[in-house]
Amino acid sequence: MIHLSHRHKIQLGWHPSRIKCFFQIAFGIIQSRSVQLQRIAAHFQDETSLGGRIQRMQRLELEAKWL
């Protein structure tokens, strides 16, 4: 995952925390087999609240319309 995140930082020019969120969303979709934000957020590997995770995903989606 470190190699992938480094490669995306170069290509997208994103901040490392945004890249981490992007990969957590991708892995959350795969693990939950769903596109519902609550189910994806439940698979994040951090200590933040479920509501905070959902807000982070929504902010990333607003900034990157192609997600």
Protein backbone atom coordinates (compact mmCIF):
# COMPACT_ATOMS: atom_id res chain seq x y z
CA MET A 1 0.00 0.00 0.00
CA ILE A 2 2.89 2.37 0.68
CA HIS A 3 4.10 2.00 -2.91
CA LEU A 4 0.59 2.66 -4.27
CA SER A 5 0.08 5.72 -2.10
CA HIS A 6 3.46 7.15 -3.10
CA ARG A 7 2.64 6.65 -6.77
CA HIS A 8 -0.75 8.38 -6.39
CA LYS A 9 0.84 11.29 -4.51
CA ILE A 10 3.08 11.90 -7.51
CA GLN A 11 0.27 11.57 -10.06
CA LEU A 12 -2.51 13.41 -8.21
CA GLY A 13 -0.56 15.86 -6.08
CA TRP A 14 -2.79 15.09 -3.08
CA HIS A 15 -1.89 15.47 0.58
CA PRO A 16 -0.92 12.11 2.20
CA SER A 17 -3.99 12.13 4.48
CA ARG A 18 -6.28 12.51 1.45
CA ILE A 19 -4.53 9.58 -0.26
CA LYS A 20 -4.94 7.49 2.90
CA CYS A 21 -8.66 8.31 2.97
CA PHE A 22 -8.98 7.38 -0.71
CA PHE A 23 -7.41 3.96 -0.11
CA GLN A 24 -9.49 3.39 3.02
CA ILE A 25 -12.61 4.05 0.94
CA ALA A 26 -11.44 1.66 -1.78
CA PHE A 27 -10.62 -1.10 0.69
CA GLY A 28 -13.84 -0.40 2.61
CA ILE A 29 -15.90 -0.89 -0.56
CA ILE A 30 -14.16 -4.20 -1.22
CA GLN A 31 -14.46 -5.45 2.38
CA SER A 32 -18.06 -4.34 2.92
CA ARG A 33 -19.21 -5.26 -0.59
CA SER A 34 -21.35 -2.14 -0.47
CA VAL A 35 -21.29 1.49 -1.54
CA GLN A 36 -23.23 2.76 1.48
CA LEU A 37 -21.12 5.24 3.41
CA GLN A 38 -21.86 3.75 6.84
CA ARG A 39 -20.78 0.28 5.77
CA ILE A 40 -17.61 1.58 4.11
CA ALA A 41 -16.74 3.76 7.13
CA ALA A 42 -17.04 0.76 9.46
CA HIS A 43 -13.97 -0.74 7.76
CA PHE A 44 -11.65 2.27 8.20
CA GLN A 45 -8.47 1.52 10.13
CA ASP A 46 -8.47 4.52 12.50
CA GLU A 47 -9.82 5.70 15.84
CA THR A 48 -12.21 8.41 14.63
CA SER A 49 -15.97 8.24 15.10
CA LEU A 50 -18.20 6.76 12.44
CA GLY A 51 -19.73 10.19 11.76
CA GLY A 52 -16.28 11.72 11.31
CA ARG A 53 -15.31 9.04 8.82
CA ILE A 54 -18.47 9.64 6.81
CA GLN A 55 -17.83 13.41 6.77
CA ARG A 56 -14.29 12.80 5.54
CA MET A 57 -15.59 10.64 2.69
CA GLN A 58 -18.15 13.28 1.75
CA ARG A 59 -15.54 16.05 1.71
CA LEU A 60 -13.25 13.97 -0.49
CA GLU A 61 -16.14 13.28 -2.86
CA LEU A 62 -16.99 16.99 -3.12
CA GLU A 63 -13.40 17.91 -3.91
CA ALA A 64 -12.85 15.10 -6.40
CA LYS A 65 -16.03 14.93 -8.51
CA TRP A 66 -14.77 11.88 -10.41
CA LEU A 67 -15.05 9.58 -7.34
